[in-house]
Full PDB file with SEQRES, HELIX, SHEET, SSBOND, CRYST1, ORIGX, SCALE, CONECT and MASTER records, all heavy atoms in Angstrom:
SEQRES   1 A   40  SER LEU VAL ALA LEU MET PHE LEU PHE ALA ILE GLN THR          
SEQRES   2 A   40  PHE ASN PRO SER SER VAL TYR ILE LEU ASP GLU ALA ASP          
SEQRES   3 A   40  SER ALA LEU ASP GLN GLU ASN SER ARG LYS LEU ALA HIS          
SEQRES   4 A   40  LEU                                                          
HELIX    1 AA1 LEU A    2  PHE A   14  1                                  13    
HELIX    2 AA2 GLN A   31  HIS A   39  1                                   9    
CRYST1    1.000    1.000    1.000  90.00  90.00  90.00 P 1           1          
ORIGX1      1.000000  0.000000  0.000000        0.00000                         
ORIGX2      0.000000  1.000000  0.000000        0.00000                         
ORIGX3      0.000000  0.000000  1.000000        0.00000                         
SCALE1      1.000000  0.000000  0.000000        0.00000                         
SCALE2      0.000000  1.000000  0.000000        0.00000                         
SCALE3      0.000000  0.000000  1.000000        0.00000                         
ATOM      1  N   SER A   1     119.732  85.085 147.880  1.00  0.00           N  
ATOM      2  CA  SER A   1     120.993  84.221 147.781  1.00  0.00           C  
ATOM      3  C   SER A   1     120.744  82.873 148.310  1.00  0.00           C  
ATOM      4  O   SER A   1     121.149  81.852 147.827  1.00  0.00           O  
ATOM      5  CB  SER A   1     122.188  84.998 148.211  1.00  0.00           C  
ATOM      6  OG  SER A   1     122.532  86.057 147.495  1.00  0.00           O  
ATOM      7  N   LEU A   2     120.334  82.868 149.684  1.00  0.00           N  
ATOM      8  CA  LEU A   2     120.155  81.727 150.468  1.00  0.00           C  
ATOM      9  C   LEU A   2     119.099  80.788 149.568  1.00  0.00           C  
ATOM     10  O   LEU A   2     119.486  79.523 149.593  1.00  0.00           O  
ATOM     11  CB  LEU A   2     119.619  81.932 151.776  1.00  0.00           C  
ATOM     12  CG  LEU A   2     120.496  82.441 152.826  1.00  0.00           C  
ATOM     13  CD1 LEU A   2     119.834  82.813 154.086  1.00  0.00           C  
ATOM     14  CD2 LEU A   2     121.693  81.340 153.069  1.00  0.00           C  
ATOM     15  N   VAL A   3     118.035  81.202 149.167  1.00  0.00           N  
ATOM     16  CA  VAL A   3     117.070  80.498 148.395  1.00  0.00           C  
ATOM     17  C   VAL A   3     117.709  79.791 147.113  1.00  0.00           C  
ATOM     18  O   VAL A   3     117.478  78.700 146.896  1.00  0.00           O  
ATOM     19  CB  VAL A   3     115.851  81.268 148.071  1.00  0.00           C  
ATOM     20  CG1 VAL A   3     114.921  80.506 147.086  1.00  0.00           C  
ATOM     21  CG2 VAL A   3     115.153  81.660 149.331  1.00  0.00           C  
ATOM     22  N   ALA A   4     118.490  80.715 146.361  1.00  0.00           N  
ATOM     23  CA  ALA A   4     119.007  80.151 145.173  1.00  0.00           C  
ATOM     24  C   ALA A   4     120.140  79.027 145.400  1.00  0.00           C  
ATOM     25  O   ALA A   4     120.171  78.031 144.862  1.00  0.00           O  
ATOM     26  CB  ALA A   4     119.769  81.359 144.503  1.00  0.00           C  
ATOM     27  N   LEU A   5     120.842  79.269 146.606  1.00  0.00           N  
ATOM     28  CA  LEU A   5     121.867  78.127 146.961  1.00  0.00           C  
ATOM     29  C   LEU A   5     121.128  76.935 147.494  1.00  0.00           C  
ATOM     30  O   LEU A   5     121.626  75.792 147.153  1.00  0.00           O  
ATOM     31  CB  LEU A   5     122.762  78.682 148.105  1.00  0.00           C  
ATOM     32  CG  LEU A   5     123.766  79.792 147.642  1.00  0.00           C  
ATOM     33  CD1 LEU A   5     124.425  80.524 148.749  1.00  0.00           C  
ATOM     34  CD2 LEU A   5     124.921  79.192 146.673  1.00  0.00           C  
ATOM     35  N   MET A   6     120.175  77.019 148.254  1.00  0.00           N  
ATOM     36  CA  MET A   6     119.376  75.909 148.764  1.00  0.00           C  
ATOM     37  C   MET A   6     118.750  75.186 147.552  1.00  0.00           C  
ATOM     38  O   MET A   6     118.700  73.902 147.500  1.00  0.00           O  
ATOM     39  CB  MET A   6     118.242  76.334 149.716  1.00  0.00           C  
ATOM     40  CG  MET A   6     118.775  76.689 151.092  1.00  0.00           C  
ATOM     41  SD  MET A   6     117.401  77.166 152.372  1.00  0.00           S  
ATOM     42  CE  MET A   6     116.805  78.712 151.664  1.00  0.00           C  
ATOM     43  N   PHE A   7     118.212  75.882 146.654  1.00  0.00           N  
ATOM     44  CA  PHE A   7     117.673  75.273 145.395  1.00  0.00           C  
ATOM     45  C   PHE A   7     118.674  74.528 144.580  1.00  0.00           C  
ATOM     46  O   PHE A   7     118.549  73.324 144.231  1.00  0.00           O  
ATOM     47  CB  PHE A   7     116.894  76.421 144.541  1.00  0.00           C  
ATOM     48  CG  PHE A   7     116.139  75.934 143.287  1.00  0.00           C  
ATOM     49  CD1 PHE A   7     115.068  75.062 143.521  1.00  0.00           C  
ATOM     50  CD2 PHE A   7     116.563  76.099 142.084  1.00  0.00           C  
ATOM     51  CE1 PHE A   7     114.433  74.536 142.479  1.00  0.00           C  
ATOM     52  CE2 PHE A   7     116.000  75.589 141.019  1.00  0.00           C  
ATOM     53  CZ  PHE A   7     114.825  74.820 141.105  1.00  0.00           C  
ATOM     54  N   LEU A   8     119.879  75.225 144.417  1.00  0.00           N  
ATOM     55  CA  LEU A   8     120.891  74.547 143.712  1.00  0.00           C  
ATOM     56  C   LEU A   8     121.437  73.235 144.357  1.00  0.00           C  
ATOM     57  O   LEU A   8     121.510  72.144 143.852  1.00  0.00           O  
ATOM     58  CB  LEU A   8     122.165  75.539 143.555  1.00  0.00           C  
ATOM     59  CG  LEU A   8     123.423  74.945 143.060  1.00  0.00           C  
ATOM     60  CD1 LEU A   8     123.429  74.763 141.655  1.00  0.00           C  
ATOM     61  CD2 LEU A   8     124.701  75.838 143.378  1.00  0.00           C  
ATOM     62  N   PHE A   9     121.627  73.393 145.764  1.00  0.00           N  
ATOM     63  CA  PHE A   9     122.130  72.172 146.553  1.00  0.00           C  
ATOM     64  C   PHE A   9     120.961  71.060 146.571  1.00  0.00           C  
ATOM     65  O   PHE A   9     121.347  69.993 146.674  1.00  0.00           O  
ATOM     66  CB  PHE A   9     122.702  72.531 147.818  1.00  0.00           C  
ATOM     67  CG  PHE A   9     123.893  73.353 147.691  1.00  0.00           C  
ATOM     68  CD1 PHE A   9     124.168  74.462 148.560  1.00  0.00           C  
ATOM     69  CD2 PHE A   9     124.915  72.926 146.925  1.00  0.00           C  
ATOM     70  CE1 PHE A   9     125.358  75.183 148.471  1.00  0.00           C  
ATOM     71  CE2 PHE A   9     126.110  73.632 146.818  1.00  0.00           C  
ATOM     72  CZ  PHE A   9     126.364  74.682 147.539  1.00  0.00           C  
ATOM     73  N   ALA A  10     119.755  71.489 146.609  1.00  0.00           N  
ATOM     74  CA  ALA A  10     118.749  70.533 146.636  1.00  0.00           C  
ATOM     75  C   ALA A  10     118.634  69.657 145.326  1.00  0.00           C  
ATOM     76  O   ALA A  10     118.618  68.358 145.471  1.00  0.00           O  
ATOM     77  CB  ALA A  10     117.482  71.089 146.902  1.00  0.00           C  
ATOM     78  N   ILE A  11     118.874  70.362 144.202  1.00  0.00           N  
ATOM     79  CA  ILE A  11     118.924  69.680 142.884  1.00  0.00           C  
ATOM     80  C   ILE A  11     120.067  68.837 142.817  1.00  0.00           C  
ATOM     81  O   ILE A  11     120.088  67.573 142.342  1.00  0.00           O  
ATOM     82  CB  ILE A  11     118.924  70.759 141.698  1.00  0.00           C  
ATOM     83  CG1 ILE A  11     117.542  71.433 141.647  1.00  0.00           C  
ATOM     84  CG2 ILE A  11     119.241  70.054 140.401  1.00  0.00           C  
ATOM     85  CD1 ILE A  11     117.513  72.539 140.634  1.00  0.00           C  
ATOM     86  N   GLN A  12     121.198  69.280 143.290  1.00  0.00           N  
ATOM     87  CA  GLN A  12     122.505  68.578 143.182  1.00  0.00           C  
ATOM     88  C   GLN A  12     122.513  67.400 144.171  1.00  0.00           C  
ATOM     89  O   GLN A  12     123.295  66.401 143.964  1.00  0.00           O  
ATOM     90  CB  GLN A  12     123.693  69.364 143.483  1.00  0.00           C  
ATOM     91  CG  GLN A  12     123.938  70.465 142.339  1.00  0.00           C  
ATOM     92  CD  GLN A  12     124.124  69.962 141.009  1.00  0.00           C  
ATOM     93  OE1 GLN A  12     124.639  68.839 140.801  1.00  0.00           O  
ATOM     94  NE2 GLN A  12     123.523  70.494 140.066  1.00  0.00           N  
ATOM     95  N   THR A  13     121.730  67.490 145.230  1.00  0.00           N  
ATOM     96  CA  THR A  13     121.599  66.254 146.033  1.00  0.00           C  
ATOM     97  C   THR A  13     120.960  65.066 145.295  1.00  0.00           C  
ATOM     98  O   THR A  13     121.277  63.928 145.496  1.00  0.00           O  
ATOM     99  CB  THR A  13     120.810  66.585 147.288  1.00  0.00           C  
ATOM    100  OG1 THR A  13     121.321  67.653 147.956  1.00  0.00           O  
ATOM    101  CG2 THR A  13     120.616  65.426 148.231  1.00  0.00           C  
ATOM    102  N   PHE A  14     120.011  65.257 144.373  1.00  0.00           N  
ATOM    103  CA  PHE A  14     119.441  64.360 143.601  1.00  0.00           C  
ATOM    104  C   PHE A  14     120.439  63.775 142.606  1.00  0.00           C  
ATOM    105  O   PHE A  14     120.426  62.538 142.364  1.00  0.00           O  
ATOM    106  CB  PHE A  14     118.304  64.900 142.881  1.00  0.00           C  
ATOM    107  CG  PHE A  14     117.494  63.929 141.944  1.00  0.00           C  
ATOM    108  CD1 PHE A  14     116.841  62.819 142.411  1.00  0.00           C  
ATOM    109  CD2 PHE A  14     117.610  64.143 140.714  1.00  0.00           C  
ATOM    110  CE1 PHE A  14     116.250  61.917 141.560  1.00  0.00           C  
ATOM    111  CE2 PHE A  14     117.016  63.255 139.703  1.00  0.00           C  
ATOM    112  CZ  PHE A  14     116.373  62.168 140.206  1.00  0.00           C  
ATOM    113  N   ASN A  15     121.197  64.676 141.903  1.00  0.00           N  
ATOM    114  CA  ASN A  15     122.104  64.208 140.825  1.00  0.00           C  
ATOM    115  C   ASN A  15     123.429  65.017 141.114  1.00  0.00           C  
ATOM    116  O   ASN A  15     123.787  65.982 140.536  1.00  0.00           O  
ATOM    117  CB  ASN A  15     121.522  64.517 139.499  1.00  0.00           C  
ATOM    118  CG  ASN A  15     122.281  63.973 138.434  1.00  0.00           C  
ATOM    119  OD1 ASN A  15     123.405  63.146 138.587  1.00  0.00           O  
ATOM    120  ND2 ASN A  15     122.079  64.340 137.096  1.00  0.00           N  
ATOM    121  N   PRO A  16     124.300  64.468 142.016  1.00  0.00           N  
ATOM    122  CA  PRO A  16     125.431  65.267 142.392  1.00  0.00           C  
ATOM    123  C   PRO A  16     126.480  65.450 141.190  1.00  0.00           C  
ATOM    124  O   PRO A  16     126.735  64.512 140.336  1.00  0.00           O  
ATOM    125  CB  PRO A  16     126.128  64.528 143.544  1.00  0.00           C  
ATOM    126  CG  PRO A  16     125.288  63.408 143.753  1.00  0.00           C  
ATOM    127  CD  PRO A  16     124.112  63.397 142.813  1.00  0.00           C  
ATOM    128  N   SER A  17     127.208  66.469 141.263  1.00  0.00           N  
ATOM    129  CA  SER A  17     128.310  66.754 140.297  1.00  0.00           C  
ATOM    130  C   SER A  17     129.590  66.542 141.047  1.00  0.00           C  
ATOM    131  O   SER A  17     129.655  66.577 142.324  1.00  0.00           O  
ATOM    132  CB  SER A  17     128.249  68.254 139.890  1.00  0.00           C  
ATOM    133  OG  SER A  17     129.307  68.405 138.892  1.00  0.00           O  
ATOM    134  N   SER A  18     130.736  66.342 140.319  1.00  0.00           N  
ATOM    135  CA  SER A  18     132.124  66.153 140.948  1.00  0.00           C  
ATOM    136  C   SER A  18     132.608  67.352 141.282  1.00  0.00           C  
ATOM    137  O   SER A  18     133.516  67.417 142.114  1.00  0.00           O  
ATOM    138  CB  SER A  18     132.936  65.238 140.088  1.00  0.00           C  
ATOM    139  OG  SER A  18     133.074  65.916 138.858  1.00  0.00           O  
ATOM    140  N   VAL A  19     132.332  68.505 140.582  1.00  0.00           N  
ATOM    141  CA  VAL A  19     132.936  69.862 140.711  1.00  0.00           C  
ATOM    142  C   VAL A  19     131.892  70.948 140.736  1.00  0.00           C  
ATOM    143  O   VAL A  19     130.995  70.929 139.956  1.00  0.00           O  
ATOM    144  CB  VAL A  19     133.957  70.106 139.616  1.00  0.00           C  
ATOM    145  CG1 VAL A  19     134.562  71.468 139.787  1.00  0.00           C  
ATOM    146  CG2 VAL A  19     135.025  69.018 139.573  1.00  0.00           C  
ATOM    147  N   TYR A  20     132.014  71.835 141.823  1.00  0.00           N  
ATOM    148  CA  TYR A  20     131.085  73.010 141.806  1.00  0.00           C  
ATOM    149  C   TYR A  20     131.968  74.140 141.719  1.00  0.00           C  
ATOM    150  O   TYR A  20     133.080  74.339 142.348  1.00  0.00           O  
ATOM    151  CB  TYR A  20     130.260  73.154 143.043  1.00  0.00           C  
ATOM    152  CG  TYR A  20     129.357  71.854 143.125  1.00  0.00           C  
ATOM    153  CD1 TYR A  20     129.795  70.648 143.648  1.00  0.00           C  
ATOM    154  CD2 TYR A  20     128.100  72.015 142.611  1.00  0.00           C  
ATOM    155  CE1 TYR A  20     128.811  69.655 143.708  1.00  0.00           C  
ATOM    156  CE2 TYR A  20     127.165  70.866 142.658  1.00  0.00           C  
ATOM    157  CZ  TYR A  20     127.617  69.759 143.359  1.00  0.00           C  
ATOM    158  OH  TYR A  20     126.703  68.793 143.368  1.00  0.00           O  
ATOM    159  N   ILE A  21     131.591  75.219 140.977  1.00  0.00           N  
ATOM    160  CA  ILE A  21     132.319  76.546 140.983  1.00  0.00           C  
ATOM    161  C   ILE A  21     131.316  77.598 141.427  1.00  0.00           C  
ATOM    162  O   ILE A  21     130.331  77.771 140.788  1.00  0.00           O  
ATOM    163  CB  ILE A  21     132.953  76.913 139.643  1.00  0.00           C  
ATOM    164  CG1 ILE A  21     133.813  75.811 139.159  1.00  0.00           C  
ATOM    165  CG2 ILE A  21     133.682  78.203 139.531  1.00  0.00           C  
ATOM    166  CD1 ILE A  21     134.332  75.905 137.689  1.00  0.00           C  
ATOM    167  N   LEU A  22     131.617  78.221 142.495  1.00  0.00           N  
ATOM    168  CA  LEU A  22     130.784  79.279 143.090  1.00  0.00           C  
ATOM    169  C   LEU A  22     131.593  80.630 143.071  1.00  0.00           C  
ATOM    170  O   LEU A  22     132.652  80.665 143.642  1.00  0.00           O  
ATOM    171  CB  LEU A  22     130.354  78.975 144.470  1.00  0.00           C  
ATOM    172  CG  LEU A  22     129.603  77.746 144.771  1.00  0.00           C  
ATOM    173  CD1 LEU A  22     129.388  77.422 146.264  1.00  0.00           C  
ATOM    174  CD2 LEU A  22     128.321  77.798 143.925  1.00  0.00           C  
ATOM    175  N   ASP A  23     131.049  81.620 142.341  1.00  0.00           N  
ATOM    176  CA  ASP A  23     131.765  82.874 142.196  1.00  0.00           C  
ATOM    177  C   ASP A  23     131.030  83.913 143.006  1.00  0.00           C  
ATOM    178  O   ASP A  23     130.035  84.417 142.632  1.00  0.00           O  
ATOM    179  CB  ASP A  23     131.796  83.286 140.789  1.00  0.00           C  
ATOM    180  CG  ASP A  23     132.635  84.570 140.470  1.00  0.00           C  
ATOM    181  OD1 ASP A  23     133.300  85.061 141.413  1.00  0.00           O  
ATOM    182  OD2 ASP A  23     132.678  85.053 139.399  1.00  0.00           O  
ATOM    183  N   GLU A  24     131.631  84.217 144.167  1.00  0.00           N  
ATOM    184  CA  GLU A  24     131.108  85.187 145.161  1.00  0.00           C  
ATOM    185  C   GLU A  24     129.563  84.990 145.498  1.00  0.00           C  
ATOM    186  O   GLU A  24     128.826  85.925 145.552  1.00  0.00           O  
ATOM    187  CB  GLU A  24     131.347  86.566 144.651  1.00  0.00           C  
ATOM    188  CG  GLU A  24     132.938  86.843 144.643  1.00  0.00           C  
ATOM    189  CD  GLU A  24     133.141  88.367 144.471  1.00  0.00           C  
ATOM    190  OE1 GLU A  24     132.455  89.228 144.948  1.00  0.00           O  
ATOM    191  OE2 GLU A  24     134.273  88.637 143.869  1.00  0.00           O  
ATOM    192  N   ALA A  25     129.222  83.674 145.566  1.00  0.00           N  
ATOM    193  CA  ALA A  25     127.882  83.348 145.829  1.00  0.00           C  
ATOM    194  C   ALA A  25     127.417  83.905 147.302  1.00  0.00           C  
ATOM    195  O   ALA A  25     126.278  83.908 147.585  1.00  0.00           O  
ATOM    196  CB  ALA A  25     127.569  81.820 145.696  1.00  0.00           C  
ATOM    197  N   ASP A  26     128.408  84.089 148.037  1.00  0.00           N  
ATOM    198  CA  ASP A  26     128.276  84.625 149.471  1.00  0.00           C  
ATOM    199  C   ASP A  26     128.204  86.084 149.579  1.00  0.00           C  
ATOM    200  O   ASP A  26     127.980  86.546 150.779  1.00  0.00           O  
ATOM    201  CB  ASP A  26     129.337  83.988 150.354  1.00  0.00           C  
ATOM    202  CG  ASP A  26     130.644  84.571 149.988  1.00  0.00           C  
ATOM    203  OD1 ASP A  26     130.891  84.675 148.667  1.00  0.00           O  
ATOM    204  OD2 ASP A  26     131.613  84.695 150.790  1.00  0.00           O  
ATOM    205  N   SER A  27     128.346  86.854 148.596  1.00  0.00           N  
ATOM    206  CA  SER A  27     128.537  88.317 148.646  1.00  0.00           C  
ATOM    207  C   SER A  27     127.397  89.077 149.354  1.00  0.00           C  
ATOM    208  O   SER A  27     127.532  90.067 149.969  1.00  0.00           O  
ATOM    209  CB  SER A  27     128.860  88.892 147.219  1.00  0.00           C  
ATOM    210  OG  SER A  27     127.570  88.715 146.407  1.00  0.00           O  
ATOM    211  N   ALA A  28     126.181  88.520 149.269  1.00  0.00           N  
ATOM    212  CA  ALA A  28     125.010  89.248 149.758  1.00  0.00           C  
ATOM    213  C   ALA A  28     124.672  88.629 151.208  1.00  0.00           C  
ATOM    214  O   ALA A  28     123.660  89.190 151.875  1.00  0.00           O  
ATOM    215  CB  ALA A  28     123.732  89.169 148.877  1.00  0.00           C  
ATOM    216  N   LEU A  29     125.450  87.716 151.689  1.00  0.00           N  
ATOM    217  CA  LEU A  29     125.029  87.012 152.981  1.00  0.00           C  
ATOM    218  C   LEU A  29     125.629  87.837 154.155  1.00  0.00           C  
ATOM    219  O   LEU A  29     126.769  88.388 153.989  1.00  0.00           O  
ATOM    220  CB  LEU A  29     125.538  85.590 153.008  1.00  0.00           C  
ATOM    221  CG  LEU A  29     124.992  84.740 151.913  1.00  0.00           C  
ATOM    222  CD1 LEU A  29     125.587  83.187 151.938  1.00  0.00           C  
ATOM    223  CD2 LEU A  29     123.467  84.642 151.872  1.00  0.00           C  
ATOM    224  N   ASP A  30     124.933  87.687 155.207  1.00  0.00           N  
ATOM    225  CA  ASP A  30     125.515  88.261 156.573  1.00  0.00           C  
ATOM    226  C   ASP A  30     126.498  87.258 157.059  1.00  0.00           C  
ATOM    227  O   ASP A  30     126.709  86.134 156.596  1.00  0.00           O  
ATOM    228  CB  ASP A  30     124.425  88.597 157.481  1.00  0.00           C  
ATOM    229  CG  ASP A  30     123.546  87.442 157.881  1.00  0.00           C  
ATOM    230  OD1 ASP A  30     123.913  86.324 157.596  1.00  0.00           O  
ATOM    231  OD2 ASP A  30     122.477  87.670 158.516  1.00  0.00           O  
ATOM    232  N   GLN A  31     127.207  87.594 158.171  1.00  0.00           N  
ATOM    233  CA  GLN A  31     128.200  86.828 158.660  1.00  0.00           C  
ATOM    234  C   GLN A  31     127.573  85.373 159.164  1.00  0.00           C  
ATOM    235  O   GLN A  31     128.363  84.327 158.888  1.00  0.00           O  
ATOM    236  CB  GLN A  31     128.801  87.424 160.003  1.00  0.00           C  
ATOM    237  CG  GLN A  31     129.645  88.545 159.680  1.00  0.00           C  
ATOM    238  CD  GLN A  31     130.394  89.198 160.888  1.00  0.00           C  
ATOM    239  OE1 GLN A  31     130.010  88.791 161.963  1.00  0.00           O  
ATOM    240  NE2 GLN A  31     131.225  90.069 160.653  1.00  0.00           N  
ATOM    241  N   GLU A  32     126.505  85.374 159.892  1.00  0.00           N  
ATOM    242  CA  GLU A  32     125.981  84.020 160.303  1.00  0.00           C  
ATOM    243  C   GLU A  32     125.679  83.124 159.145  1.00  0.00           C  
ATOM    244  O   GLU A  32     125.972  81.960 159.004  1.00  0.00           O  
ATOM    245  CB  GLU A  32     124.724  84.242 161.153  1.00  0.00           C  
ATOM    246  CG  GLU A  32     124.037  83.010 161.598  1.00  0.00           C  
ATOM    247  CD  GLU A  32     125.017  82.097 162.555  1.00  0.00           C  
ATOM    248  OE1 GLU A  32     126.072  82.684 163.150  1.00  0.00           O  
ATOM    249  OE2 GLU A  32     124.875  81.018 162.642  1.00  0.00           O  
ATOM    250  N   ASN A  33     125.028  83.726 158.033  1.00  0.00           N  
ATOM    251  CA  ASN A  33     124.734  82.814 156.901  1.00  0.00           C  
ATOM    252  C   ASN A  33     125.918  82.412 156.110  1.00  0.00           C  
ATOM    253  O   ASN A  33     125.944  81.417 155.518  1.00  0.00           O  
ATOM    254  CB  ASN A  33     123.682  83.588 156.003  1.00  0.00           C  
ATOM    255  CG  ASN A  33     122.199  83.513 156.670  1.00  0.00           C  
ATOM    256  OD1 ASN A  33     121.879  82.494 157.363  1.00  0.00           O  
ATOM    257  ND2 ASN A  33     121.465  84.655 156.670  1.00  0.00           N  
ATOM    258  N   SER A  34     126.947  83.335 156.136  1.00  0.00           N  
ATOM    259  CA  SER A  34     128.165  82.910 155.446  1.00  0.00           C  
ATOM    260  C   SER A  34     128.793  81.846 156.244  1.00  0.00           C  
ATOM    261  O   SER A  34     129.367  80.894 155.536  1.00  0.00           O  
ATOM    262  CB  SER A  34     129.147  84.208 155.475  1.00  0.00           C  
ATOM    263  OG  SER A  34     128.620  85.161 154.804  1.00  0.00           O  
ATOM    264  N   ARG A  35     128.781  81.749 157.547  1.00  0.00           N  
ATOM    265  CA  ARG A  35     129.319  80.634 158.295  1.00  0.00           C  
ATOM    266  C   ARG A  35     128.570  79.340 157.934  1.00  0.00           C  
ATOM    267  O   ARG A  35     129.131  78.251 157.758  1.00  0.00           O  
ATOM    268  CB  ARG A  35     129.307  80.963 159.746  1.00  0.00           C  
ATOM    269  CG  ARG A  35     130.455  81.665 160.321  1.00  0.00           C  
ATOM    270  CD  ARG A  35     130.525  81.666 161.746  1.00  0.00           C  
ATOM    271  NE  ARG A  35     129.487  82.548 162.395  1.00  0.00           N  
ATOM    272  CZ  ARG A  35     129.587  83.857 162.517  1.00  0.00           C  
ATOM    273  NH1 ARG A  35     130.670  84.452 162.164  1.00  0.00           N  
ATOM    274  NH2 ARG A  35     128.574  84.561 163.076  1.00  0.00           N  
ATOM    275  N   LYS A  36     127.324  79.595 157.820  1.00  0.00           N  
ATOM    276  CA  LYS A  36     126.374  78.453 157.550  1.00  0.00           C  
ATOM    277  C   LYS A  36     126.710  77.862 156.111  1.00  0.00           C  
ATOM    278  O   LYS A  36     126.762  76.555 155.969  1.00  0.00           O  
ATOM    279  CB  LYS A  36     124.952  78.653 157.628  1.00  0.00           C  
ATOM    280  CG  LYS A  36     124.431  78.947 159.010  1.00  0.00           C  
ATOM    281  CD  LYS A  36     123.031  79.245 159.136  1.00  0.00           C  
ATOM    282  CE  LYS A  36     122.428  79.610 160.503  1.00  0.00           C  
ATOM    283  NZ  LYS A  36     121.133  79.933 160.645  1.00  0.00           N  
ATOM    284  N   LEU A  37     126.960  78.711 155.253  1.00  0.00           N  
ATOM    285  CA  LEU A  37     127.264  78.324 153.844  1.00  0.00           C  
ATOM    286  C   LEU A  37     128.583  77.628 153.922  1.00  0.00           C  
ATOM    287  O   LEU A  37     128.748  76.598 153.232  1.00  0.00           O  
ATOM    288  CB  LEU A  37     127.286  79.464 152.883  1.00  0.00           C  
ATOM    289  CG  LEU A  37     127.746  79.129 151.462  1.00  0.00           C  
ATOM    290  CD1 LEU A  37     126.967  78.154 150.692  1.00  0.00           C  
ATOM    291  CD2 LEU A  37     127.863  80.464 150.655  1.00  0.00           C  
ATOM    292  N   ALA A  38     129.657  78.140 154.555  1.00  0.00           N  
ATOM    293  CA  ALA A  38     130.877  77.571 154.653  1.00  0.00           C  
ATOM    294  C   ALA A  38     130.885  76.162 155.227  1.00  0.00           C  
ATOM    295  O   ALA A  38     131.543  75.186 154.747  1.00  0.00           O  
ATOM    296  CB  ALA A  38     131.826  78.421 155.525  1.00  0.00           C  
ATOM    297  N   HIS A  39     130.075  75.978 156.202  1.00  0.00           N  
ATOM    298  CA  HIS A  39     129.893  74.622 156.819  1.00  0.00           C  
ATOM    299  C   HIS A  39     129.262  73.661 155.889  1.00  0.00           C  
ATOM    300  O   HIS A  39     129.615  72.538 155.808  1.00  0.00           O  
ATOM    301  CB  HIS A  39     129.206  74.720 158.197  1.00  0.00           C  
ATOM    302  CG  HIS A  39     130.111  75.356 159.363  1.00  0.00           C  
ATOM    303  ND1 HIS A  39     131.162  74.745 159.774  1.00  0.00           N  
ATOM    304  CD2 HIS A  39     129.773  76.520 159.861  1.00  0.00           C  
ATOM    305  CE1 HIS A  39     131.706  75.542 160.654  1.00  0.00           C  
ATOM    306  NE2 HIS A  39     130.992  76.639 160.779  1.00  0.00           N  
ATOM    307  N   LEU A  40     128.287  74.110 155.151  1.00  0.00           N  
ATOM    308  CA  LEU A  40     127.510  73.344 154.210  1.00  0.00           C  
ATOM    309  C   LEU A  40     128.474  72.803 153.100  1.00  0.00           C  
ATOM    310  O   LEU A  40     128.650  71.670 152.743  1.00  0.00           O  
ATOM    311  CB  LEU A  40     126.346  74.056 153.584  1.00  0.00           C  
ATOM    312  CG  LEU A  40     125.554  73.257 152.524  1.00  0.00           C  
ATOM    313  CD1 LEU A  40     125.037  71.920 153.163  1.00  0.00           C  
ATOM    314  CD2 LEU A  40     124.499  74.120 152.024  1.00  0.00           C  
TER     315      LEU A  40                                                      
MASTER        0    0    0    2    0    0    0    6  314    1    0    4          
END                                                                             
């Protein structure tokens, strides 16, 4: 999940979108990585 999210955000850094929809993208993450995702 982390790799997929990093890949998605890396691509979007190059060509950002105005809206992102994430459906339970954090479901497999532990607490620490969930916090990191929330801050990102």
